[in-house]
């Protein structure tokens, strides 16, 4: 069974940067779309970014121009580079494979003002 493990969360000041990584336990997902979602307390889970097998990328409106999603199939890894961070980016961030409905356990990101 494929498992997703996120890492890289933490505390950062507004305007700072963080890099999240998601590693799959095996390579079965290399032909799948991968995505990052986030959920803040009291809010619905929302799409942050997605990357498709053909390389196309999709971003939520609130992170366009600040976040970049990438993947490294050799490492079974998808990454989220976050820059120009804002307090409203504070949330738990989750890695997701939509085709099989698989979610990681989440990693907390907190942005202080």
PDB file of N, CA and C in Angstrom:
ATOM      1  N   UNK A   1       0.847  -1.185   0.000  1.00  0.00           N
ATOM      2  CA  UNK A   1       0.000   0.000   0.000  1.00  0.00           C
ATOM      3  C   UNK A   1       0.884   1.236   0.000  1.00  0.00           C
ATOM      4  N   UNK A   2       0.530   2.193  -0.878  1.00  0.00           N
ATOM      5  CA  UNK A   2       1.299   3.429  -0.967  1.00  0.00           C
ATOM      6  C   UNK A   2       0.995   4.311   0.228  1.00  0.00           C
ATOM      7  N   UNK A   3       2.026   4.858   0.809  1.00  0.00           N
ATOM      8  CA  UNK A   3       1.860   5.844   1.872  1.00  0.00           C
ATOM      9  C   UNK A   3       2.567   7.128   1.464  1.00  0.00           C
ATOM     10  N   UNK A   4       2.032   8.267   1.939  1.00  0.00           N
ATOM     11  CA  UNK A   4       2.607   9.573   1.674  1.00  0.00           C
ATOM     12  C   UNK A   4       3.078  10.159   2.991  1.00  0.00           C
ATOM     13  N   UNK A   5       4.291  10.681   2.996  1.00  0.00           N
ATOM     14  CA  UNK A   5       4.851  11.269   4.214  1.00  0.00           C
ATOM     15  C   UNK A   5       5.317  12.681   3.892  1.00  0.00           C
ATOM     16  N   UNK A   6       4.717  13.656   4.585  1.00  0.00           N
ATOM     17  CA  UNK A   6       5.094  15.051   4.390  1.00  0.00           C
ATOM     18  C   UNK A   6       6.174  15.462   5.396  1.00  0.00           C
ATOM     19  N   UNK A   7       6.976  16.432   5.003  1.00  0.00           N
ATOM     20  CA  UNK A   7       7.971  16.996   5.901  1.00  0.00           C
ATOM     21  C   UNK A   7       8.248  18.434   5.506  1.00  0.00           C
ATOM     22  N   UNK A   8       8.897  19.171   6.403  1.00  0.00           N
ATOM     23  CA  UNK A   8       9.316  20.526   6.081  1.00  0.00           C
ATOM     24  C   UNK A   8       8.491  21.625   6.690  1.00  0.00           C
ATOM     25  N   UNK A   9       7.437  21.296   7.382  1.00  0.00           N
ATOM     26  CA  UNK A   9       6.628  22.323   8.013  1.00  0.00           C
ATOM     27  C   UNK A   9       7.359  22.961   9.181  1.00  0.00           C
ATOM     28  N   UNK A  10       6.779  24.049   9.697  1.00  0.00           N
ATOM     29  CA  UNK A  10       7.379  24.721  10.838  1.00  0.00           C
ATOM     30  C   UNK A  10       6.877  26.124  10.969  1.00  0.00           C
ATOM     31  N   UNK A  11       7.630  26.920  11.730  1.00  0.00           N
ATOM     32  CA  UNK A  11       7.284  28.306  11.997  1.00  0.00           C
ATOM     33  C   UNK A  11       8.175  29.220  11.174  1.00  0.00           C
ATOM     34  N   UNK A  12       7.567  30.208  10.531  1.00  0.00           N
ATOM     35  CA  UNK A  12       8.323  31.159   9.707  1.00  0.00           C
ATOM     36  C   UNK A  12       7.699  32.533   9.871  1.00  0.00           C
ATOM     37  N   UNK A  13       8.512  33.557   9.735  1.00  0.00           N
ATOM     38  CA  UNK A  13       7.991  34.918   9.803  1.00  0.00           C
ATOM     39  C   UNK A  13       7.374  35.323   8.471  1.00  0.00           C
ATOM     40  N   UNK A  14       6.458  36.257   8.539  1.00  0.00           N
ATOM     41  CA  UNK A  14       5.849  36.778   7.321  1.00  0.00           C
ATOM     42  C   UNK A  14       6.935  37.278   6.373  1.00  0.00           C
ATOM     43  N   UNK A  15       6.779  36.927   5.113  1.00  0.00           N
ATOM     44  CA  UNK A  15       7.763  37.268   4.105  1.00  0.00           C
ATOM     45  C   UNK A  15       8.821  36.210   3.893  1.00  0.00           C
ATOM     46  N   UNK A  16       8.869  35.243   4.774  1.00  0.00           N
ATOM     47  CA  UNK A  16       9.865  34.186   4.699  1.00  0.00           C
ATOM     48  C   UNK A  16       9.474  33.062   3.762  1.00  0.00           C
ATOM     49  N   UNK A  17      10.291  32.001   3.777  1.00  0.00           N
ATOM     50  CA  UNK A  17      10.109  30.868   2.861  1.00  0.00           C
ATOM     51  C   UNK A  17      10.190  29.555   3.620  1.00  0.00           C
ATOM     52  N   UNK A  18       9.481  28.572   3.085  1.00  0.00           N
ATOM     53  CA  UNK A  18       9.562  27.187   3.555  1.00  0.00           C
ATOM     54  C   UNK A  18       9.447  26.272   2.351  1.00  0.00           C
ATOM     55  N   UNK A  19       9.990  25.086   2.508  1.00  0.00           N
ATOM     56  CA  UNK A  19       9.884  24.075   1.452  1.00  0.00           C
ATOM     57  C   UNK A  19       9.316  22.811   2.059  1.00  0.00           C
ATOM     58  N   UNK A  20       8.199  22.368   1.518  1.00  0.00           N
ATOM     59  CA  UNK A  20       7.572  21.125   1.952  1.00  0.00           C
ATOM     60  C   UNK A  20       7.922  20.012   0.977  1.00  0.00           C
ATOM     61  N   UNK A  21       8.082  18.821   1.514  1.00  0.00           N
ATOM     62  CA  UNK A  21       8.333  17.649   0.677  1.00  0.00           C
ATOM     63  C   UNK A  21       7.328  16.558   1.009  1.00  0.00           C
ATOM     64  N   UNK A  22       6.972  15.792   0.008  1.00  0.00           N
ATOM     65  CA  UNK A  22       6.077  14.650   0.173  1.00  0.00           C
ATOM     66  C   UNK A  22       6.723  13.472  -0.528  1.00  0.00           C
ATOM     67  N   UNK A  23       6.962  12.425   0.213  1.00  0.00           N
ATOM     68  CA  UNK A  23       7.607  11.242  -0.341  1.00  0.00           C
ATOM     69  C   UNK A  23       6.641  10.075  -0.303  1.00  0.00           C
ATOM     70  N   UNK A  24       6.525   9.389  -1.431  1.00  0.00           N
ATOM     71  CA  UNK A  24       5.684   8.198  -1.514  1.00  0.00           C
ATOM     72  C   UNK A  24       6.508   6.973  -1.181  1.00  0.00           C
ATOM     73  N   UNK A  25       5.848   5.997  -0.594  1.00  0.00           N
ATOM     74  CA  UNK A  25       6.561   4.805  -0.141  1.00  0.00           C
ATOM     75  C   UNK A  25       6.988   3.915  -1.305  1.00  0.00           C
ATOM     76  N   UNK A  26       6.407   4.107  -2.471  1.00  0.00           N
ATOM     77  CA  UNK A  26       6.847   3.366  -3.643  1.00  0.00           C
ATOM     78  C   UNK A  26       6.550   4.178  -4.893  1.00  0.00           C
ATOM     79  N   UNK A  27       6.988   3.704  -6.002  1.00  0.00           N
ATOM     80  CA  UNK A  27       6.975   4.505  -7.225  1.00  0.00           C
ATOM     81  C   UNK A  27       5.696   4.393  -8.027  1.00  0.00           C
ATOM     82  N   UNK A  28       4.651   3.776  -7.480  1.00  0.00           N
ATOM     83  CA  UNK A  28       3.430   3.542  -8.250  1.00  0.00           C
ATOM     84  C   UNK A  28       2.744   4.816  -8.697  1.00  0.00           C
ATOM     85  N   UNK A  29       3.069   5.918  -8.070  1.00  0.00           N
ATOM     86  CA  UNK A  29       2.339   7.154  -8.345  1.00  0.00           C
ATOM     87  C   UNK A  29       2.968   8.012  -9.418  1.00  0.00           C
ATOM     88  N   UNK A  30       4.063   7.610 -10.032  1.00  0.00           N
ATOM     89  CA  UNK A  30       4.801   8.510 -10.914  1.00  0.00           C
ATOM     90  C   UNK A  30       3.973   8.978 -12.101  1.00  0.00           C
ATOM     91  N   UNK A  31       2.943   8.235 -12.474  1.00  0.00           N
ATOM     92  CA  UNK A  31       2.099   8.644 -13.590  1.00  0.00           C
ATOM     93  C   UNK A  31       0.812   9.308 -13.135  1.00  0.00           C
ATOM     94  N   UNK A  32       0.742   9.652 -11.879  1.00  0.00           N
ATOM     95  CA  UNK A  32      -0.455  10.280 -11.324  1.00  0.00           C
ATOM     96  C   UNK A  32      -0.254  11.777 -11.106  1.00  0.00           C
ATOM     97  N   UNK A  33      -1.379  12.488 -11.116  1.00  0.00           N
ATOM     98  CA  UNK A  33      -1.368  13.862 -10.647  1.00  0.00           C
ATOM     99  C   UNK A  33      -1.126  13.851  -9.135  1.00  0.00           C
ATOM    100  N   UNK A  34      -0.410  14.859  -8.672  1.00  0.00           N
ATOM    101  CA  UNK A  34      -0.135  15.009  -7.241  1.00  0.00           C
ATOM    102  C   UNK A  34      -0.547  16.413  -6.845  1.00  0.00           C
ATOM    103  N   UNK A  35      -0.959  16.567  -5.593  1.00  0.00           N
ATOM    104  CA  UNK A  35      -1.435  17.875  -5.174  1.00  0.00           C
ATOM    105  C   UNK A  35      -1.089  18.140  -3.710  1.00  0.00           C
ATOM    106  N   UNK A  36      -1.031  19.415  -3.393  1.00  0.00           N
ATOM    107  CA  UNK A  36      -0.953  19.886  -2.016  1.00  0.00           C
ATOM    108  C   UNK A  36      -2.256  20.604  -1.691  1.00  0.00           C
ATOM    109  N   UNK A  37      -2.823  20.272  -0.551  1.00  0.00           N
ATOM    110  CA  UNK A  37      -3.981  20.969  -0.007  1.00  0.00           C
ATOM    111  C   UNK A  37      -3.607  21.534   1.357  1.00  0.00           C
ATOM    112  N   UNK A  38      -4.422  22.440   1.846  1.00  0.00           N
ATOM    113  CA  UNK A  38      -4.213  22.953   3.193  1.00  0.00           C
ATOM    114  C   UNK A  38      -5.552  23.169   3.871  1.00  0.00           C
ATOM    115  N   UNK A  39      -5.511  23.126   5.188  1.00  0.00           N
ATOM    116  CA  UNK A  39      -6.724  23.343   5.966  1.00  0.00           C
ATOM    117  C   UNK A  39      -6.373  24.102   7.230  1.00  0.00           C
ATOM    118  N   UNK A  40      -6.982  25.272   7.386  1.00  0.00           N
ATOM    119  CA  UNK A  40      -6.840  26.059   8.600  1.00  0.00           C
ATOM    120  C   UNK A  40      -8.023  25.770   9.514  1.00  0.00           C
ATOM    121  N   UNK A  41      -7.846  25.962  10.818  1.00  0.00           N
ATOM    122  CA  UNK A  41      -8.946  25.683  11.748  1.00  0.00           C
ATOM    123  C   UNK A  41     -10.221  26.434  11.363  1.00  0.00           C
ATOM    124  N   UNK A  42     -11.328  25.708  11.298  1.00  0.00           N
ATOM    125  CA  UNK A  42     -12.607  26.305  10.970  1.00  0.00           C
ATOM    126  C   UNK A  42     -12.858  26.489   9.496  1.00  0.00           C
ATOM    127  N   UNK A  43     -11.874  26.154   8.662  1.00  0.00           N
ATOM    128  CA  UNK A  43     -12.000  26.311   7.213  1.00  0.00           C
ATOM    129  C   UNK A  43     -12.068  24.963   6.517  1.00  0.00           C
ATOM    130  N   UNK A  44     -12.580  24.979   5.293  1.00  0.00           N
ATOM    131  CA  UNK A  44     -12.565  23.769   4.476  1.00  0.00           C
ATOM    132  C   UNK A  44     -11.166  23.550   3.902  1.00  0.00           C
ATOM    133  N   UNK A  45     -10.874  22.294   3.595  1.00  0.00           N
ATOM    134  CA  UNK A  45      -9.610  21.990   2.942  1.00  0.00           C
ATOM    135  C   UNK A  45      -9.626  22.587   1.537  1.00  0.00           C
ATOM    136  N   UNK A  46      -8.544  23.248   1.157  1.00  0.00           N
ATOM    137  CA  UNK A  46      -8.496  23.899  -0.143  1.00  0.00           C
ATOM    138  C   UNK A  46      -7.252  23.491  -0.918  1.00  0.00           C
ATOM    139  N   UNK A  47      -7.383  23.532  -2.242  1.00  0.00           N
ATOM    140  CA  UNK A  47      -6.262  23.223  -3.119  1.00  0.00           C
ATOM    141  C   UNK A  47      -5.225  24.333  -3.045  1.00  0.00           C
ATOM    142  N   UNK A  48      -3.974  23.940  -2.845  1.00  0.00           N
ATOM    143  CA  UNK A  48      -2.860  24.880  -2.913  1.00  0.00           C
ATOM    144  C   UNK A  48      -2.202  24.807  -4.280  1.00  0.00           C
ATOM    145  N   UNK A  49      -1.846  23.596  -4.688  1.00  0.00           N
ATOM    146  CA  UNK A  49      -1.171  23.421  -5.977  1.00  0.00           C
ATOM    147  C   UNK A  49      -1.292  21.977  -6.414  1.00  0.00           C
ATOM    148  N   UNK A  50      -1.248  21.768  -7.725  1.00  0.00           N
ATOM    149  CA  UNK A  50      -1.276  20.427  -8.297  1.00  0.00           C
ATOM    150  C   UNK A  50      -0.303  20.364  -9.451  1.00  0.00           C
ATOM    151  N   UNK A  51       0.247  19.177  -9.671  1.00  0.00           N
ATOM    152  CA  UNK A  51       1.142  18.955 -10.811  1.00  0.00           C
ATOM    153  C   UNK A  51       0.722  17.669 -11.487  1.00  0.00           C
ATOM    154  N   UNK A  52       0.667  17.716 -12.835  1.00  0.00           N
ATOM    155  CA  UNK A  52       0.143  16.607 -13.621  1.00  0.00           C
ATOM    156  C   UNK A  52       1.282  15.887 -14.329  1.00  0.00           C
ATOM    157  N   UNK A  53       1.039  14.642 -14.779  1.00  0.00           N
ATOM    158  CA  UNK A  53       2.113  13.872 -15.416  1.00  0.00           C
ATOM    159  C   UNK A  53       2.725  14.574 -16.622  1.00  0.00           C
ATOM    160  N   UNK A  54       1.948  15.421 -17.298  1.00  0.00           N
ATOM    161  CA  UNK A  54       2.510  16.125 -18.456  1.00  0.00           C
ATOM    162  C   UNK A  54       3.270  17.388 -18.069  1.00  0.00           C
ATOM    163  N   UNK A  55       3.394  17.625 -16.766  1.00  0.00           N
ATOM    164  CA  UNK A  55       4.129  18.788 -16.278  1.00  0.00           C
ATOM    165  C   UNK A  55       3.292  20.017 -16.005  1.00  0.00           C
ATOM    166  N   UNK A  56       2.036  19.992 -16.409  1.00  0.00           N
ATOM    167  CA  UNK A  56       1.173  21.155 -16.161  1.00  0.00           C
ATOM    168  C   UNK A  56       0.983  21.361 -14.671  1.00  0.00           C
ATOM    169  N   UNK A  57       0.972  22.619 -14.272  1.00  0.00           N
ATOM    170  CA  UNK A  57       0.806  22.997 -12.877  1.00  0.00           C
ATOM    171  C   UNK A  57      -0.445  23.845 -12.699  1.00  0.00           C
ATOM    172  N   UNK A  58      -1.058  23.695 -11.554  1.00  0.00           N
ATOM    173  CA  UNK A  58      -2.259  24.453 -11.222  1.00  0.00           C
ATOM    174  C   UNK A  58      -2.085  24.987  -9.808  1.00  0.00           C
ATOM    175  N   UNK A  59      -2.509  26.240  -9.580  1.00  0.00           N
ATOM    176  CA  UNK A  59      -2.345  26.872  -8.272  1.00  0.00           C
ATOM    177  C   UNK A  59      -3.640  27.497  -7.799  1.00  0.00           C
ATOM    178  N   UNK A  60      -3.830  27.485  -6.477  1.00  0.00           N
ATOM    179  CA  UNK A  60      -4.923  28.244  -5.907  1.00  0.00           C
ATOM    180  C   UNK A  60      -4.671  29.731  -6.083  1.00  0.00           C
ATOM    181  N   UNK A  61      -5.728  30.504  -6.205  1.00  0.00           N
ATOM    182  CA  UNK A  61      -5.582  31.933  -6.474  1.00  0.00           C
ATOM    183  C   UNK A  61      -4.761  32.643  -5.410  1.00  0.00           C
ATOM    184  N   UNK A  62      -4.888  32.203  -4.168  1.00  0.00           N
ATOM    185  CA  UNK A  62      -4.228  32.919  -3.072  1.00  0.00           C
ATOM    186  C   UNK A  62      -2.719  32.683  -3.027  1.00  0.00           C
ATOM    187  N   UNK A  63      -2.212  31.710  -3.775  1.00  0.00           N
ATOM    188  CA  UNK A  63      -0.773  31.411  -3.711  1.00  0.00           C
ATOM    189  C   UNK A  63      -0.063  31.628  -5.042  1.00  0.00           C
ATOM    190  N   UNK A  64      -0.796  31.989  -6.072  1.00  0.00           N
ATOM    191  CA  UNK A  64      -0.175  32.202  -7.386  1.00  0.00           C
ATOM    192  C   UNK A  64       0.922  33.257  -7.296  1.00  0.00           C
ATOM    193  N   UNK A  65       2.045  32.935  -7.900  1.00  0.00           N
ATOM    194  CA  UNK A  65       3.177  33.851  -7.896  1.00  0.00           C
ATOM    195  C   UNK A  65       4.048  33.748  -6.662  1.00  0.00           C
ATOM    196  N   UNK A  66       3.606  33.006  -5.654  1.00  0.00           N
ATOM    197  CA  UNK A  66       4.397  32.872  -4.421  1.00  0.00           C
ATOM    198  C   UNK A  66       4.850  31.432  -4.166  1.00  0.00           C
ATOM    199  N   UNK A  67       4.038  30.478  -4.571  1.00  0.00           N
ATOM    200  CA  UNK A  67       4.343  29.060  -4.331  1.00  0.00           C
ATOM    201  C   UNK A  67       4.668  28.374  -5.650  1.00  0.00           C
ATOM    202  N   UNK A  68       5.543  27.369  -5.573  1.00  0.00           N
ATOM    203  CA  UNK A  68       5.906  26.587  -6.757  1.00  0.00           C
ATOM    204  C   UNK A  68       5.894  25.106  -6.402  1.00  0.00           C
ATOM    205  N   UNK A  69       5.163  24.325  -7.193  1.00  0.00           N
ATOM    206  CA  UNK A  69       5.130  22.886  -7.001  1.00  0.00           C
ATOM    207  C   UNK A  69       6.058  22.224  -8.010  1.00  0.00           C
ATOM    208  N   UNK A  70       6.734  21.166  -7.573  1.00  0.00           N
ATOM    209  CA  UNK A  70       7.634  20.434  -8.464  1.00  0.00           C
ATOM    210  C   UNK A  70       7.639  18.971  -8.040  1.00  0.00           C
ATOM    211  N   UNK A  71       8.151  18.134  -8.924  1.00  0.00           N
ATOM    212  CA  UNK A  71       8.225  16.712  -8.594  1.00  0.00           C
ATOM    213  C   UNK A  71       9.549  16.145  -9.057  1.00  0.00           C
ATOM    214  N   UNK A  72      10.008  15.129  -8.350  1.00  0.00           N
ATOM    215  CA  UNK A  72      11.222  14.397  -8.708  1.00  0.00           C
ATOM    216  C   UNK A  72      10.853  12.923  -8.702  1.00  0.00           C
ATOM    217  N   UNK A  73      10.592  12.390  -9.881  1.00  0.00           N
ATOM    218  CA  UNK A  73      10.135  11.006  -9.976  1.00  0.00           C
ATOM    219  C   UNK A  73      11.201  10.018  -9.522  1.00  0.00           C
ATOM    220  N   UNK A  74      12.463  10.381  -9.638  1.00  0.00           N
ATOM    221  CA  UNK A  74      13.530   9.476  -9.207  1.00  0.00           C
ATOM    222  C   UNK A  74      13.476   9.274  -7.704  1.00  0.00           C
ATOM    223  N   UNK A  75      13.024  10.268  -6.976  1.00  0.00           N
ATOM    224  CA  UNK A  75      12.948  10.191  -5.530  1.00  0.00           C
ATOM    225  C   UNK A  75      11.539   9.907  -5.027  1.00  0.00           C
ATOM    226  N   UNK A  76      10.583   9.702  -5.949  1.00  0.00           N
ATOM    227  CA  UNK A  76       9.174   9.526  -5.558  1.00  0.00           C
ATOM    228  C   UNK A  76       8.719  10.698  -4.693  1.00  0.00           C
ATOM    229  N   UNK A  77       9.044  11.914  -5.120  1.00  0.00           N
ATOM    230  CA  UNK A  77       8.880  13.082  -4.264  1.00  0.00           C
ATOM    231  C   UNK A  77       8.174  14.209  -5.006  1.00  0.00           C
ATOM    232  N   UNK A  78       7.302  14.914  -4.284  1.00  0.00           N
ATOM    233  CA  UNK A  78       6.722  16.156  -4.790  1.00  0.00           C
ATOM    234  C   UNK A  78       6.977  17.228  -3.743  1.00  0.00           C
ATOM    235  N   UNK A  79       7.356  18.411  -4.204  1.00  0.00           N
ATOM    236  CA  UNK A  79       7.762  19.474  -3.307  1.00  0.00           C
ATOM    237  C   UNK A  79       6.906  20.716  -3.504  1.00  0.00           C
ATOM    238  N   UNK A  80       6.847  21.521  -2.449  1.00  0.00           N
ATOM    239  CA  UNK A  80       6.141  22.791  -2.520  1.00  0.00           C
ATOM    240  C   UNK A  80       7.060  23.862  -1.945  1.00  0.00           C
ATOM    241  N   UNK A  81       7.562  24.719  -2.812  1.00  0.00           N
ATOM    242  CA  UNK A  81       8.399  25.843  -2.386  1.00  0.00           C
ATOM    243  C   UNK A  81       7.485  27.034  -2.133  1.00  0.00           C
ATOM    244  N   UNK A  82       7.509  27.535  -0.906  1.00  0.00           N
ATOM    245  CA  UNK A  82       6.631  28.634  -0.513  1.00  0.00           C
ATOM    246  C   UNK A  82       7.475  29.862  -0.199  1.00  0.00           C
ATOM    247  N   UNK A  83       7.171  30.960  -0.838  1.00  0.00           N
ATOM    248  CA  UNK A  83       7.900  32.205  -0.631  1.00  0.00           C
ATOM    249  C   UNK A  83       6.916  33.340  -0.383  1.00  0.00           C
ATOM    250  N   UNK A  84       7.432  34.446   0.128  1.00  0.00           N
ATOM    251  CA  UNK A  84       6.555  35.579   0.396  1.00  0.00           C
ATOM    252  C   UNK A  84       5.383  35.194   1.273  1.00  0.00           C
ATOM    253  N   UNK A  85       5.664  34.438   2.303  1.00  0.00           N
ATOM    254  CA  UNK A  85       4.584  33.847   3.080  1.00  0.00           C
ATOM    255  C   UNK A  85       3.853  34.880   3.914  1.00  0.00           C
ATOM    256  N   UNK A  86       2.562  34.604   4.129  1.00  0.00           N
ATOM    257  CA  UNK A  86       1.677  35.507   4.845  1.00  0.00           C
ATOM    258  C   UNK A  86       1.035  34.767   6.026  1.00  0.00           C
ATOM    259  N   UNK A  87       0.610  35.498   7.047  1.00  0.00           N
ATOM    260  CA  UNK A  87      -0.055  34.825   8.175  1.00  0.00           C
ATOM    261  C   UNK A  87      -1.247  33.972   7.737  1.00  0.00           C
ATOM    262  N   UNK A  88      -1.941  34.375   6.689  1.00  0.00           N
ATOM    263  CA  UNK A  88      -3.090  33.595   6.221  1.00  0.00           C
ATOM    264  C   UNK A  88      -2.687  32.289   5.545  1.00  0.00           C
ATOM    265  N   UNK A  89      -1.387  32.052   5.353  1.00  0.00           N
ATOM    266  CA  UNK A  89      -0.918  30.757   4.860  1.00  0.00           C
ATOM    267  C   UNK A  89      -0.838  29.725   5.978  1.00  0.00           C
ATOM    268  N   UNK A  90      -1.043  30.155   7.215  1.00  0.00           N
ATOM    269  CA  UNK A  90      -1.002  29.235   8.347  1.00  0.00           C
ATOM    270  C   UNK A  90      -2.078  28.175   8.217  1.00  0.00           C
ATOM    271  N   UNK A  91      -1.652  26.914   8.242  1.00  0.00           N
ATOM    272  CA  UNK A  91      -2.575  25.796   8.054  1.00  0.00           C
ATOM    273  C   UNK A  91      -1.811  24.489   8.185  1.00  0.00           C
ATOM    274  N   UNK A  92      -2.562  23.396   8.226  1.00  0.00           N
ATOM    275  CA  UNK A  92      -1.972  22.075   8.045  1.00  0.00           C
ATOM    276  C   UNK A  92      -1.950  21.790   6.551  1.00  0.00           C
ATOM    277  N   UNK A  93      -0.823  21.360   6.043  1.00  0.00           N
ATOM    278  CA  UNK A  93      -0.655  21.101   4.608  1.00  0.00           C
ATOM    279  C   UNK A  93      -0.604  19.595   4.372  1.00  0.00           C
ATOM    280  N   UNK A  94      -1.360  19.154   3.368  1.00  0.00           N
ATOM    281  CA  UNK A  94      -1.511  17.736   3.082  1.00  0.00           C
ATOM    282  C   UNK A  94      -1.124  17.422   1.643  1.00  0.00           C
ATOM    283  N   UNK A  95      -0.404  16.349   1.477  1.00  0.00           N
ATOM    284  CA  UNK A  95      -0.102  15.800   0.168  1.00  0.00           C
ATOM    285  C   UNK A  95      -1.232  14.859  -0.244  1.00  0.00           C
ATOM    286  N   UNK A  96      -1.539  14.815  -1.559  1.00  0.00           N
ATOM    287  CA  UNK A  96      -2.723  14.074  -2.004  1.00  0.00           C
ATOM    288  C   UNK A  96      -2.524  13.486  -3.395  1.00  0.00           C
ATOM    289  N   UNK A  97      -2.953  12.253  -3.567  1.00  0.00           N
ATOM    290  CA  UNK A  97      -3.037  11.648  -4.897  1.00  0.00           C
ATOM    291  C   UNK A  97      -4.521  11.502  -5.224  1.00  0.00           C
ATOM    292  N   UNK A  98      -5.075  12.379  -6.062  1.00  0.00           N
ATOM    293  CA  UNK A  98      -6.521  12.359  -6.316  1.00  0.00           C
ATOM    294  C   UNK A  98      -7.044  11.042  -6.881  1.00  0.00           C
ATOM    295  N   UNK A  99      -6.300  10.400  -7.775  1.00  0.00           N
ATOM    296  CA  UNK A  99      -6.818   9.213  -8.466  1.00  0.00           C
ATOM    297  C   UNK A  99      -7.164   8.103  -7.491  1.00  0.00           C
ATOM    298  N   UNK A 100      -6.373   7.936  -6.449  1.00  0.00           N
ATOM    299  CA  UNK A 100      -6.606   6.854  -5.494  1.00  0.00           C
ATOM    300  C   UNK A 100      -7.098   7.359  -4.145  1.00  0.00           C
ATOM    301  N   UNK A 101      -7.331   8.653  -4.041  1.00  0.00           N
ATOM    302  CA  UNK A 101      -7.891   9.204  -2.814  1.00  0.00           C
ATOM    303  C   UNK A 101      -6.982   9.099  -1.614  1.00  0.00           C
ATOM    304  N   UNK A 102      -5.673   9.124  -1.852  1.00  0.00           N
ATOM    305  CA  UNK A 102      -4.719   8.940  -0.764  1.00  0.00           C
ATOM    306  C   UNK A 102      -4.259  10.295  -0.226  1.00  0.00           C
ATOM    307  N   UNK A 103      -4.205  10.410   1.104  1.00  0.00           N
ATOM    308  CA  UNK A 103      -3.744  11.608   1.783  1.00  0.00           C
ATOM    309  C   UNK A 103      -2.574  11.287   2.706  1.00  0.00           C
ATOM    310  N   UNK A 104      -1.677  12.248   2.844  1.00  0.00           N
ATOM    311  CA  UNK A 104      -0.655  12.137   3.862  1.00  0.00           C
ATOM    312  C   UNK A 104      -1.209  12.548   5.217  1.00  0.00           C
ATOM    313  N   UNK A 105      -0.362  12.482   6.234  1.00  0.00           N
ATOM    314  CA  UNK A 105      -0.813  12.786   7.589  1.00  0.00           C
ATOM    315  C   UNK A 105      -0.836  14.280   7.868  1.00  0.00           C
ATOM    316  N   UNK A 106      -0.198  15.070   7.016  1.00  0.00           N
ATOM    317  CA  UNK A 106      -0.201  16.520   7.164  1.00  0.00           C
ATOM    318  C   UNK A 106       1.020  17.032   7.894  1.00  0.00           C
ATOM    319  N   UNK A 107       1.391  18.270   7.579  1.00  0.00           N
ATOM    320  CA  UNK A 107       2.479  18.954   8.272  1.00  0.00           C
ATOM    321  C   UNK A 107       2.031  20.385   8.536  1.00  0.00           C
ATOM    322  N   UNK A 108       2.287  20.865   9.750  1.00  0.00           N
ATOM    323  CA  UNK A 108       1.807  22.174  10.156  1.00  0.00           C
ATOM    324  C   UNK A 108       2.750  23.274   9.701  1.00  0.00           C
ATOM    325  N   UNK A 109       2.159  24.318   9.127  1.00  0.00           N
ATOM    326  CA  UNK A 109       2.894  25.523   8.743  1.00  0.00           C
ATOM    327  C   UNK A 109       2.273  26.698   9.487  1.00  0.00           C
ATOM    328  N   UNK A 110       3.111  27.449  10.189  1.00  0.00           N
ATOM    329  CA  UNK A 110       2.646  28.616  10.931  1.00  0.00           C
ATOM    330  C   UNK A 110       3.460  29.831  10.514  1.00  0.00           C
ATOM    331  N   UNK A 111       2.778  30.888  10.111  1.00  0.00           N
ATOM    332  CA  UNK A 111       3.431  32.118   9.671  1.00  0.00           C
ATOM    333  C   UNK A 111       3.104  33.208  10.680  1.00  0.00           C
ATOM    334  N   UNK A 112       4.124  33.754  11.300  1.00  0.00           N
ATOM    335  CA  UNK A 112       3.907  34.801  12.299  1.00  0.00           C
ATOM    336  C   UNK A 112       3.997  36.171  11.640  1.00  0.00           C
ATOM    337  N   UNK A 113       3.218  37.093  12.171  1.00  0.00           N
ATOM    338  CA  UNK A 113       3.201  38.449  11.597  1.00  0.00           C
ATOM    339  C   UNK A 113       4.252  39.338  12.240  1.00  0.00           C
TER     340      UNK A 113
END
